[in-house]
Amino acid sequence: MATQEKKAKRRWGDRRDGRRVKAPGLQTIMGYLWPKRTDCEVYLSDKIDATELMTYLEKRNAEHPDYKTTLFHAAVTGMARMVKERPLMNRFIQGYRLYERNEITISFVVKRRFADGAEESLMVLKPKDEDTLDSISSRIVGNVRETRKSEHSTGGIDEVLDKFAKLPRFVLIPVIRIIRWMDFWGVNPKAVTEGDPNYTTILTSNLGSIQCPSVYHHLNNYGTNSVMITIGTLHKEEVLMPDGTKEIRDVVDIGATLDERIADGFYFARSLKLIKHIFAHPELLEKPLGEDSGFEY
């Protein structure tokens, strides 16, 4: 399987964050007929059986009581593997053209304190071929811990946004128009796009951490993000098993909003099947992302 981490020489028509790919006629025309990402949203709501995964995590955490690996850590690792094996999920349309990203990026918001009015910080994870659940979980825990040391933004995209927000309205409006124009042509400076969840493969929200169910979350016309996933609260539910019996299982709700222009429904459905397979076979989370899962569709 080809790795997305080998950077190819930039060609005419490529962007700094992605390589231009030739789109079939239907996708090309859709990009012109519906240039806004919010006009092409497909929403998926489903339940994933997490029983095997939770058993795996309980055993893992019992062996390492001072370091807790969570459902969210496993979900992020599963998303990274899904994109690695399903590269069309790492595509986006901007400026009427189809691109494939140079790397996989997964972003989420961290609440500095679980309180009304507490500030939020944006975080971006860049999984690599050698990453496993261990390394991804460690990075998430470390980043979140570092972020929560302060109740205020400490740099990165948060600091950039704070500076923009201080501009007077008559200055901010034309500045934002220029940024959107640069976004269309793919020439936004790295200082503006680096760390921005609107420029990542998957923007995810762990709503289960605040005891909230998964919800529909819109995509944005700004940036290049084409996949938004919300993870709801883990709960017990009666499930009809393949043999016809009923069992009480651990279930988690998910909601996914996708840009239908990057792939078709068949491809999206198979990508979801891979996620479910990973939850049912959590030992796959121990394999480096660069190794194929061997899942047969």
C-alpha atoms as a PDB file:
ATOM      1  CA  MET A   1       0.000   0.000   0.000  1.00  0.00           C
ATOM      2  CA  ALA A   2       1.396   3.399  -0.951  1.00  0.00           C
ATOM      3  CA  THR A   3       2.158   5.746   1.898  1.00  0.00           C
ATOM      4  CA  GLN A   4       0.895   9.296   1.946  1.00  0.00           C
ATOM      5  CA  GLU A   5       3.993  10.411   3.862  1.00  0.00           C
ATOM      6  CA  LYS A   6       6.287  10.265   0.822  1.00  0.00           C
ATOM      7  CA  LYS A   7       6.094  13.799  -0.466  1.00  0.00           C
ATOM      8  CA  ALA A   8       5.995  13.935  -4.242  1.00  0.00           C
ATOM      9  CA  LYS A   9       7.436  16.809  -6.201  1.00  0.00           C
ATOM     10  CA  ARG A  10       4.977  19.691  -6.393  1.00  0.00           C
ATOM     11  CA  ARG A  11       3.427  20.047  -9.836  1.00  0.00           C
ATOM     12  CA  TRP A  12       1.675  22.901 -11.583  1.00  0.00           C
ATOM     13  CA  GLY A  13      -1.846  23.138 -10.154  1.00  0.00           C
ATOM     14  CA  ASP A  14      -0.943  21.583  -6.780  1.00  0.00           C
ATOM     15  CA  ARG A  15      -1.490  23.392  -3.506  1.00  0.00           C
ATOM     16  CA  ARG A  16       0.886  23.551  -0.584  1.00  0.00           C
ATOM     17  CA  ASP A  17      -1.440  21.218   1.359  1.00  0.00           C
ATOM     18  CA  GLY A  18      -2.560  18.897  -1.438  1.00  0.00           C
ATOM     19  CA  ARG A  19      -1.964  17.433  -4.865  1.00  0.00           C
ATOM     20  CA  ARG A  20      -4.455  18.076  -7.614  1.00  0.00           C
ATOM     21  CA  VAL A  21      -6.112  14.889  -8.857  1.00  0.00           C
ATOM     22  CA  LYS A  22      -8.102  14.292 -11.998  1.00  0.00           C
ATOM     23  CA  ALA A  23     -11.795  14.078 -11.188  1.00  0.00           C
ATOM     24  CA  PRO A  24     -14.405  12.115 -13.178  1.00  0.00           C
ATOM     25  CA  GLY A  25     -16.818  14.206 -15.213  1.00  0.00           C
ATOM     26  CA  LEU A  26     -19.611  13.991 -12.624  1.00  0.00           C
ATOM     27  CA  GLN A  27     -17.389  15.206  -9.779  1.00  0.00           C
ATOM     28  CA  THR A  28     -15.967  17.990 -11.921  1.00  0.00           C
ATOM     29  CA  ILE A  29     -19.397  19.320 -12.881  1.00  0.00           C
ATOM     30  CA  MET A  30     -20.705  18.960  -9.310  1.00  0.00           C
ATOM     31  CA  GLY A  31     -17.856  21.194  -8.157  1.00  0.00           C
ATOM     32  CA  TYR A  32     -19.092  23.938 -10.489  1.00  0.00           C
ATOM     33  CA  LEU A  33     -22.838  23.433  -9.966  1.00  0.00           C
ATOM     34  CA  TRP A  34     -22.493  23.289  -6.168  1.00  0.00           C
ATOM     35  CA  PRO A  35     -19.270  25.126  -5.288  1.00  0.00           C
ATOM     36  CA  LYS A  36     -20.205  25.450  -1.612  1.00  0.00           C
ATOM     37  CA  ARG A  37     -19.363  22.528   0.651  1.00  0.00           C
ATOM     38  CA  THR A  38     -22.505  23.146   2.698  1.00  0.00           C
ATOM     39  CA  ASP A  39     -24.611  22.514  -0.430  1.00  0.00           C
ATOM     40  CA  CYS A  40     -23.173  19.005  -0.755  1.00  0.00           C
ATOM     41  CA  GLU A  41     -23.465  17.620   2.752  1.00  0.00           C
ATOM     42  CA  VAL A  42     -24.344  13.992   3.363  1.00  0.00           C
ATOM     43  CA  TYR A  43     -25.219  13.177   6.967  1.00  0.00           C
ATOM     44  CA  LEU A  44     -24.857   9.721   8.450  1.00  0.00           C
ATOM     45  CA  SER A  45     -26.068   8.649  11.884  1.00  0.00           C
ATOM     46  CA  ASP A  46     -25.254   5.166  13.176  1.00  0.00           C
ATOM     47  CA  LYS A  47     -24.538   3.067  16.259  1.00  0.00           C
ATOM     48  CA  ILE A  48     -21.314   1.138  16.733  1.00  0.00           C
ATOM     49  CA  ASP A  49     -21.024  -1.890  19.001  1.00  0.00           C
ATOM     50  CA  ALA A  50     -18.093  -1.053  21.285  1.00  0.00           C
ATOM     51  CA  THR A  51     -18.288  -4.097  23.582  1.00  0.00           C
ATOM     52  CA  GLU A  52     -15.059  -5.746  22.406  1.00  0.00           C
ATOM     53  CA  LEU A  53     -13.279  -2.411  22.379  1.00  0.00           C
ATOM     54  CA  MET A  54     -14.306  -1.571  25.955  1.00  0.00           C
ATOM     55  CA  THR A  55     -13.221  -5.030  27.162  1.00  0.00           C
ATOM     56  CA  TYR A  56      -9.875  -4.454  25.473  1.00  0.00           C
ATOM     57  CA  LEU A  57      -9.477  -0.992  27.028  1.00  0.00           C
ATOM     58  CA  GLU A  58     -10.443  -2.218  30.519  1.00  0.00           C
ATOM     59  CA  LYS A  59      -7.767  -4.919  30.352  1.00  0.00           C
ATOM     60  CA  ARG A  60      -5.228  -2.474  28.981  1.00  0.00           C
ATOM     61  CA  ASN A  61      -5.949   0.154  31.658  1.00  0.00           C
ATOM     62  CA  ALA A  62      -5.849  -2.471  34.439  1.00  0.00           C
ATOM     63  CA  GLU A  63      -2.297  -3.323  33.356  1.00  0.00           C
ATOM     64  CA  HIS A  64      -1.359   0.375  33.290  1.00  0.00           C
ATOM     65  CA  PRO A  65      -3.458   2.039  36.040  1.00  0.00           C
ATOM     66  CA  ASP A  66      -1.414   5.248  35.969  1.00  0.00           C
ATOM     67  CA  TYR A  67      -2.139   5.843  32.297  1.00  0.00           C
ATOM     68  CA  LYS A  68      -5.704   5.687  30.994  1.00  0.00           C
ATOM     69  CA  THR A  69      -6.485   5.009  27.349  1.00  0.00           C
ATOM     70  CA  THR A  70     -10.002   6.146  26.460  1.00  0.00           C
ATOM     71  CA  LEU A  71     -12.664   5.364  23.898  1.00  0.00           C
ATOM     72  CA  PHE A  72     -11.868   8.691  22.215  1.00  0.00           C
ATOM     73  CA  HIS A  73      -8.190   7.781  21.838  1.00  0.00           C
ATOM     74  CA  ALA A  74      -9.202   4.497  20.202  1.00  0.00           C
ATOM     75  CA  ALA A  75     -11.739   6.246  17.959  1.00  0.00           C
ATOM     76  CA  VAL A  76      -9.138   8.762  16.731  1.00  0.00           C
ATOM     77  CA  THR A  77      -6.688   5.937  16.000  1.00  0.00           C
ATOM     78  CA  GLY A  78      -9.440   4.087  14.136  1.00  0.00           C
ATOM     79  CA  MET A  79     -10.242   7.197  12.090  1.00  0.00           C
ATOM     80  CA  ALA A  80      -6.573   7.580  11.191  1.00  0.00           C
ATOM     81  CA  ARG A  81      -6.397   3.963   9.999  1.00  0.00           C
ATOM     82  CA  MET A  82      -9.619   4.340   8.041  1.00  0.00           C
ATOM     83  CA  VAL A  83      -8.263   7.366   6.145  1.00  0.00           C
ATOM     84  CA  LYS A  84      -4.929   5.613   5.611  1.00  0.00           C
ATOM     85  CA  GLU A  85      -6.646   2.663   3.943  1.00  0.00           C
ATOM     86  CA  ARG A  86      -9.407   4.715   2.296  1.00  0.00           C
ATOM     87  CA  PRO A  87      -7.479   7.623   0.659  1.00  0.00           C
ATOM     88  CA  LEU A  88     -10.509   9.202  -1.037  1.00  0.00           C
ATOM     89  CA  MET A  89     -11.589  10.236   2.472  1.00  0.00           C
ATOM     90  CA  ASN A  90      -8.546  12.507   2.486  1.00  0.00           C
ATOM     91  CA  ARG A  91      -9.674  14.577  -0.485  1.00  0.00           C
ATOM     92  CA  PHE A  92     -11.262  18.004  -0.736  1.00  0.00           C
ATOM     93  CA  ILE A  93     -12.614  20.427  -3.306  1.00  0.00           C
ATOM     94  CA  GLN A  94     -11.559  24.058  -3.308  1.00  0.00           C
ATOM     95  CA  GLY A  95     -11.504  26.567  -6.152  1.00  0.00           C
ATOM     96  CA  TYR A  96     -13.613  24.136  -8.257  1.00  0.00           C
ATOM     97  CA  ARG A  97     -10.757  21.602  -8.216  1.00  0.00           C
ATOM     98  CA  LEU A  98     -10.277  18.221  -6.523  1.00  0.00           C
ATOM     99  CA  TYR A  99      -7.201  17.669  -4.337  1.00  0.00           C
ATOM    100  CA  GLU A 100      -5.745  14.913  -2.175  1.00  0.00           C
ATOM    101  CA  ARG A 101      -3.969  16.004   1.002  1.00  0.00           C
ATOM    102  CA  ASN A 102      -0.274  15.500   1.521  1.00  0.00           C
ATOM    103  CA  GLU A 103      -0.862  14.154   5.031  1.00  0.00           C
ATOM    104  CA  ILE A 104      -3.574  12.893   7.361  1.00  0.00           C
ATOM    105  CA  THR A 105      -4.725  15.385   9.990  1.00  0.00           C
ATOM    106  CA  ILE A 106      -7.371  14.976  12.693  1.00  0.00           C
ATOM    107  CA  SER A 107      -8.523  17.960  14.735  1.00  0.00           C
ATOM    108  CA  PHE A 108     -10.680  18.485  17.803  1.00  0.00           C
ATOM    109  CA  VAL A 109     -11.543  21.122  20.370  1.00  0.00           C
ATOM    110  CA  VAL A 110     -10.311  20.961  23.952  1.00  0.00           C
ATOM    111  CA  LYS A 111     -12.321  22.646  26.709  1.00  0.00           C
ATOM    112  CA  ARG A 112      -9.857  24.185  29.169  1.00  0.00           C
ATOM    113  CA  ARG A 113     -12.328  23.701  32.019  1.00  0.00           C
ATOM    114  CA  PHE A 114     -15.707  21.945  32.140  1.00  0.00           C
ATOM    115  CA  ALA A 115     -17.549  25.146  32.991  1.00  0.00           C
ATOM    116  CA  ASP A 116     -19.762  27.678  31.224  1.00  0.00           C
ATOM    117  CA  GLY A 117     -17.666  30.418  29.693  1.00  0.00           C
ATOM    118  CA  ALA A 118     -14.407  28.426  29.832  1.00  0.00           C
ATOM    119  CA  GLU A 119     -12.188  28.970  26.810  1.00  0.00           C
ATOM    120  CA  GLU A 120     -11.661  26.357  24.127  1.00  0.00           C
ATOM    121  CA  SER A 121      -8.439  25.478  22.340  1.00  0.00           C
ATOM    122  CA  LEU A 122      -8.004  23.930  18.893  1.00  0.00           C
ATOM    123  CA  MET A 123      -5.761  20.885  18.533  1.00  0.00           C
ATOM    124  CA  VAL A 124      -4.494  19.095  15.422  1.00  0.00           C
ATOM    125  CA  LEU A 125      -3.030  15.578  15.390  1.00  0.00           C
ATOM    126  CA  LYS A 126      -0.894  14.370  12.462  1.00  0.00           C
ATOM    127  CA  PRO A 127      -0.766  10.545  12.538  1.00  0.00           C
ATOM    128  CA  LYS A 128       2.282   8.909  10.945  1.00  0.00           C
ATOM    129  CA  ASP A 129       2.882   5.450   9.474  1.00  0.00           C
ATOM    130  CA  GLU A 130       4.610   4.205  12.619  1.00  0.00           C
ATOM    131  CA  ASP A 131       1.860   5.391  14.981  1.00  0.00           C
ATOM    132  CA  THR A 132      -0.253   2.978  17.033  1.00  0.00           C
ATOM    133  CA  LEU A 133      -2.866   3.462  19.754  1.00  0.00           C
ATOM    134  CA  ASP A 134      -0.001   3.843  22.255  1.00  0.00           C
ATOM    135  CA  SER A 135       1.666   6.784  20.538  1.00  0.00           C
ATOM    136  CA  ILE A 136      -1.542   8.524  19.490  1.00  0.00           C
ATOM    137  CA  SER A 137      -3.052   8.197  22.975  1.00  0.00           C
ATOM    138  CA  SER A 138       0.163   9.520  24.508  1.00  0.00           C
ATOM    139  CA  ARG A 139       0.191  12.551  22.210  1.00  0.00           C
ATOM    140  CA  ILE A 140      -3.466  13.375  22.860  1.00  0.00           C
ATOM    141  CA  VAL A 141      -3.039  13.111  26.647  1.00  0.00           C
ATOM    142  CA  GLY A 142       0.137  15.200  26.564  1.00  0.00           C
ATOM    143  CA  ASN A 143      -1.343  17.898  24.354  1.00  0.00           C
ATOM    144  CA  VAL A 144      -4.552  18.160  26.364  1.00  0.00           C
ATOM    145  CA  ARG A 145      -2.652  18.287  29.647  1.00  0.00           C
ATOM    146  CA  GLU A 146      -0.383  21.032  28.320  1.00  0.00           C
ATOM    147  CA  THR A 147      -3.360  22.997  27.003  1.00  0.00           C
ATOM    148  CA  ARG A 148      -5.218  22.871  30.328  1.00  0.00           C
ATOM    149  CA  LYS A 149      -2.262  24.270  32.273  1.00  0.00           C
ATOM    150  CA  SER A 150      -3.512  27.687  31.283  1.00  0.00           C
ATOM    151  CA  GLU A 151      -7.062  29.018  31.132  1.00  0.00           C
ATOM    152  CA  HIS A 152      -6.138  31.190  28.166  1.00  0.00           C
ATOM    153  CA  SER A 153      -4.754  30.517  24.692  1.00  0.00           C
ATOM    154  CA  THR A 154      -1.019  29.942  24.680  1.00  0.00           C
ATOM    155  CA  GLY A 155      -0.146  30.208  20.987  1.00  0.00           C
ATOM    156  CA  GLY A 156      -0.798  28.600  17.632  1.00  0.00           C
ATOM    157  CA  ILE A 157      -4.041  29.211  15.751  1.00  0.00           C
ATOM    158  CA  ASP A 158      -5.758  30.362  18.978  1.00  0.00           C
ATOM    159  CA  GLU A 159      -3.337  33.266  19.276  1.00  0.00           C
ATOM    160  CA  VAL A 160      -3.785  34.174  15.602  1.00  0.00           C
ATOM    161  CA  LEU A 161      -7.572  34.242  16.038  1.00  0.00           C
ATOM    162  CA  ASP A 162      -7.277  36.379  19.160  1.00  0.00           C
ATOM    163  CA  LYS A 163      -5.230  38.948  17.240  1.00  0.00           C
ATOM    164  CA  PHE A 164      -7.696  39.033  14.340  1.00  0.00           C
ATOM    165  CA  ALA A 165     -10.609  39.445  16.759  1.00  0.00           C
ATOM    166  CA  LYS A 166      -9.062  42.641  18.139  1.00  0.00           C
ATOM    167  CA  LEU A 167      -9.187  44.382  14.756  1.00  0.00           C
ATOM    168  CA  PRO A 168     -11.953  46.973  14.288  1.00  0.00           C
ATOM    169  CA  ARG A 169     -14.850  45.914  12.080  1.00  0.00           C
ATOM    170  CA  PHE A 170     -14.000  48.199   9.147  1.00  0.00           C
ATOM    171  CA  VAL A 171     -10.533  46.560   9.010  1.00  0.00           C
ATOM    172  CA  LEU A 172     -11.589  42.980   9.783  1.00  0.00           C
ATOM    173  CA  ILE A 173     -14.190  42.754   6.991  1.00  0.00           C
ATOM    174  CA  PRO A 174     -11.768  43.445   4.090  1.00  0.00           C
ATOM    175  CA  VAL A 175      -9.066  41.321   5.753  1.00  0.00           C
ATOM    176  CA  ILE A 176     -11.430  38.341   5.955  1.00  0.00           C
ATOM    177  CA  ARG A 177     -12.423  38.873   2.301  1.00  0.00           C
ATOM    178  CA  ILE A 178      -8.759  38.740   1.297  1.00  0.00           C
ATOM    179  CA  ILE A 179      -8.232  35.572   3.369  1.00  0.00           C
ATOM    180  CA  ARG A 180     -11.229  33.906   1.702  1.00  0.00           C
ATOM    181  CA  TRP A 181      -9.905  34.902  -1.729  1.00  0.00           C
ATOM    182  CA  MET A 182      -6.531  33.385  -0.852  1.00  0.00           C
ATOM    183  CA  ASP A 183      -8.345  30.299   0.458  1.00  0.00           C
ATOM    184  CA  PHE A 184     -10.091  29.882  -2.930  1.00  0.00           C
ATOM    185  CA  TRP A 185      -6.765  29.972  -4.801  1.00  0.00           C
ATOM    186  CA  GLY A 186      -4.882  27.926  -2.201  1.00  0.00           C
ATOM    187  CA  VAL A 187      -2.334  30.601  -1.360  1.00  0.00           C
ATOM    188  CA  ASN A 188      -3.175  31.280   2.282  1.00  0.00           C
ATOM    189  CA  PRO A 189       0.026  31.574   4.344  1.00  0.00           C
ATOM    190  CA  LYS A 190       0.929  28.659   6.587  1.00  0.00           C
ATOM    191  CA  ALA A 191       0.629  30.914   9.639  1.00  0.00           C
ATOM    192  CA  VAL A 192      -3.111  31.207   8.930  1.00  0.00           C
ATOM    193  CA  THR A 193      -3.857  27.555   8.066  1.00  0.00           C
ATOM    194  CA  GLU A 194      -1.503  25.668  10.399  1.00  0.00           C
ATOM    195  CA  GLY A 195      -3.483  24.293  13.324  1.00  0.00           C
ATOM    196  CA  ASP A 196      -6.821  25.398  11.853  1.00  0.00           C
ATOM    197  CA  PRO A 197      -9.375  22.516  12.016  1.00  0.00           C
ATOM    198  CA  ASN A 198     -10.977  23.881   8.846  1.00  0.00           C
ATOM    199  CA  TYR A 199      -7.881  22.634   7.011  1.00  0.00           C
ATOM    200  CA  THR A 200      -7.793  19.096   8.394  1.00  0.00           C
ATOM    201  CA  THR A 201      -8.890  15.696   7.086  1.00  0.00           C
ATOM    202  CA  ILE A 202     -11.348  15.037   9.902  1.00  0.00           C
ATOM    203  CA  LEU A 203     -12.763  17.470  12.432  1.00  0.00           C
ATOM    204  CA  THR A 204     -14.140  15.429  15.323  1.00  0.00           C
ATOM    205  CA  SER A 205     -15.968  16.253  18.531  1.00  0.00           C
ATOM    206  CA  ASN A 206     -16.005  14.000  21.595  1.00  0.00           C
ATOM    207  CA  LEU A 207     -19.479  14.886  22.869  1.00  0.00           C
ATOM    208  CA  GLY A 208     -19.506  11.806  25.062  1.00  0.00           C
ATOM    209  CA  SER A 209     -17.021  13.539  27.359  1.00  0.00           C
ATOM    210  CA  ILE A 210     -19.757  16.026  28.305  1.00  0.00           C
ATOM    211  CA  GLN A 211     -22.509  13.379  28.395  1.00  0.00           C
ATOM    212  CA  CYS A 212     -24.049  14.544  25.151  1.00  0.00           C
ATOM    213  CA  PRO A 213     -25.342  12.380  22.283  1.00  0.00           C
ATOM    214  CA  SER A 214     -23.836  12.588  18.818  1.00  0.00           C
ATOM    215  CA  VAL A 215     -25.349  15.391  16.733  1.00  0.00           C
ATOM    216  CA  TYR A 216     -25.377  16.694  13.196  1.00  0.00           C
ATOM    217  CA  HIS A 217     -22.587  19.227  12.678  1.00  0.00           C
ATOM    218  CA  HIS A 218     -22.379  21.220   9.468  1.00  0.00           C
ATOM    219  CA  LEU A 219     -19.296  21.485   7.261  1.00  0.00           C
ATOM    220  CA  ASN A 220     -17.759  24.887   6.509  1.00  0.00           C
ATOM    221  CA  ASN A 221     -17.296  26.566   3.131  1.00  0.00           C
ATOM    222  CA  TYR A 222     -14.046  28.078   4.355  1.00  0.00           C
ATOM    223  CA  GLY A 223     -11.000  25.809   4.318  1.00  0.00           C
ATOM    224  CA  THR A 224     -10.703  22.244   3.062  1.00  0.00           C
ATOM    225  CA  ASN A 225     -12.282  20.028   5.743  1.00  0.00           C
ATOM    226  CA  SER A 226     -14.630  17.482   4.127  1.00  0.00           C
ATOM    227  CA  VAL A 227     -15.405  15.136   7.031  1.00  0.00           C
ATOM    228  CA  MET A 228     -16.949  16.010  10.409  1.00  0.00           C
ATOM    229  CA  ILE A 229     -17.531  13.247  12.987  1.00  0.00           C
ATOM    230  CA  THR A 230     -19.239  13.544  16.365  1.00  0.00           C
ATOM    231  CA  ILE A 231     -18.940  10.815  18.994  1.00  0.00           C
ATOM    232  CA  GLY A 232     -21.742  10.447  21.487  1.00  0.00           C
ATOM    233  CA  THR A 233     -22.053   8.928  24.958  1.00  0.00           C
ATOM    234  CA  LEU A 234     -21.188   5.278  25.522  1.00  0.00           C
ATOM    235  CA  HIS A 235     -24.271   3.446  26.842  1.00  0.00           C
ATOM    236  CA  LYS A 236     -25.840   0.030  27.305  1.00  0.00           C
ATOM    237  CA  GLU A 237     -28.374  -1.095  24.737  1.00  0.00           C
ATOM    238  CA  GLU A 238     -30.158  -4.312  23.779  1.00  0.00           C
ATOM    239  CA  VAL A 239     -28.765  -5.514  20.444  1.00  0.00           C
ATOM    240  CA  LEU A 240     -30.039  -8.225  18.110  1.00  0.00           C
ATOM    241  CA  MET A 241     -27.106 -10.559  17.464  1.00  0.00           C
ATOM    242  CA  PRO A 242     -26.417 -12.405  14.168  1.00  0.00           C
ATOM    243  CA  ASP A 243     -27.743 -15.683  15.613  1.00  0.00           C
ATOM    244  CA  GLY A 244     -31.086 -14.072  16.467  1.00  0.00           C
ATOM    245  CA  THR A 245     -30.502 -13.749  20.213  1.00  0.00           C
ATOM    246  CA  LYS A 246     -30.580 -10.457  22.104  1.00  0.00           C
ATOM    247  CA  GLU A 247     -27.754  -9.154  24.271  1.00  0.00           C
ATOM    248  CA  ILE A 248     -27.073  -6.042  26.323  1.00  0.00           C
ATOM    249  CA  ARG A 249     -24.046  -4.464  24.652  1.00  0.00           C
ATOM    250  CA  ASP A 250     -21.883  -1.354  24.960  1.00  0.00           C
ATOM    251  CA  VAL A 251     -22.954   0.987  22.168  1.00  0.00           C
ATOM    252  CA  VAL A 252     -21.772   4.405  21.043  1.00  0.00           C
ATOM    253  CA  ASP A 253     -23.630   6.727  18.684  1.00  0.00           C
ATOM    254  CA  ILE A 254     -21.757   8.546  15.941  1.00  0.00           C
ATOM    255  CA  GLY A 255     -22.754  11.244  13.502  1.00  0.00           C
ATOM    256  CA  ALA A 256     -20.771  11.982  10.333  1.00  0.00           C
ATOM    257  CA  THR A 257     -21.207  14.827   7.862  1.00  0.00           C
ATOM    258  CA  LEU A 258     -19.364  14.411   4.569  1.00  0.00           C
ATOM    259  CA  ASP A 259     -18.869  16.309   1.334  1.00  0.00           C
ATOM    260  CA  GLU A 260     -20.519  14.059  -1.261  1.00  0.00           C
ATOM    261  CA  ARG A 261     -18.276  15.466  -4.006  1.00  0.00           C
ATOM    262  CA  ILE A 262     -15.127  13.682  -2.762  1.00  0.00           C
ATOM    263  CA  ALA A 263     -16.505  10.128  -3.128  1.00  0.00           C
ATOM    264  CA  ASP A 264     -19.738   8.203  -3.627  1.00  0.00           C
ATOM    265  CA  GLY A 265     -22.053   6.617  -1.065  1.00  0.00           C
ATOM    266  CA  PHE A 266     -20.638   3.140  -1.706  1.00  0.00           C
ATOM    267  CA  TYR A 267     -17.164   4.344  -0.727  1.00  0.00           C
ATOM    268  CA  PHE A 268     -18.504   6.098   2.391  1.00  0.00           C
ATOM    269  CA  ALA A 269     -20.398   2.960   3.461  1.00  0.00           C
ATOM    270  CA  ARG A 270     -17.286   0.795   3.133  1.00  0.00           C
ATOM    271  CA  SER A 271     -15.291   3.299   5.139  1.00  0.00           C
ATOM    272  CA  LEU A 272     -17.832   3.017   7.966  1.00  0.00           C
ATOM    273  CA  LYS A 273     -17.595  -0.778   7.777  1.00  0.00           C
ATOM    274  CA  LEU A 274     -13.861  -0.531   8.370  1.00  0.00           C
ATOM    275  CA  ILE A 275     -14.433   1.616  11.472  1.00  0.00           C
ATOM    276  CA  LYS A 276     -16.908  -0.965  12.828  1.00  0.00           C
ATOM    277  CA  HIS A 277     -14.433  -3.762  12.077  1.00  0.00           C
ATOM    278  CA  ILE A 278     -11.725  -1.957  14.052  1.00  0.00           C
ATOM    279  CA  PHE A 279     -14.077  -1.553  17.042  1.00  0.00           C
ATOM    280  CA  ALA A 280     -14.885  -5.268  16.856  1.00  0.00           C
ATOM    281  CA  HIS A 281     -11.181  -6.223  16.520  1.00  0.00           C
ATOM    282  CA  PRO A 282      -9.380  -3.701  18.764  1.00  0.00           C
ATOM    283  CA  GLU A 283      -6.087  -5.594  18.479  1.00  0.00           C
ATOM    284  CA  LEU A 284      -5.738  -3.825  15.113  1.00  0.00           C
ATOM    285  CA  LEU A 285      -5.115  -0.629  17.073  1.00  0.00           C
ATOM    286  CA  GLU A 286      -1.731  -2.077  18.097  1.00  0.00           C
ATOM    287  CA  LYS A 287      -0.581  -2.327  14.483  1.00  0.00           C
ATOM    288  CA  PRO A 288       1.322   0.617  12.972  1.00  0.00           C
ATOM    289  CA  LEU A 289      -0.907   2.641  10.653  1.00  0.00           C
ATOM    290  CA  GLY A 290       1.450   1.885   7.777  1.00  0.00           C
ATOM    291  CA  GLU A 291       0.509  -1.829   7.985  1.00  0.00           C
ATOM    292  CA  ASP A 292      -2.696  -2.853   6.240  1.00  0.00           C
ATOM    293  CA  SER A 293      -5.470  -4.159   8.481  1.00  0.00           C
ATOM    294  CA  GLY A 294      -6.265  -6.997   6.078  1.00  0.00           C
ATOM    295  CA  PHE A 295      -9.989  -6.227   6.281  1.00  0.00           C
ATOM    296  CA  GLU A 296     -11.931  -7.768   3.388  1.00  0.00           C
ATOM    297  CA  TYR A 297     -14.922  -5.749   2.302  1.00  0.00           C
END
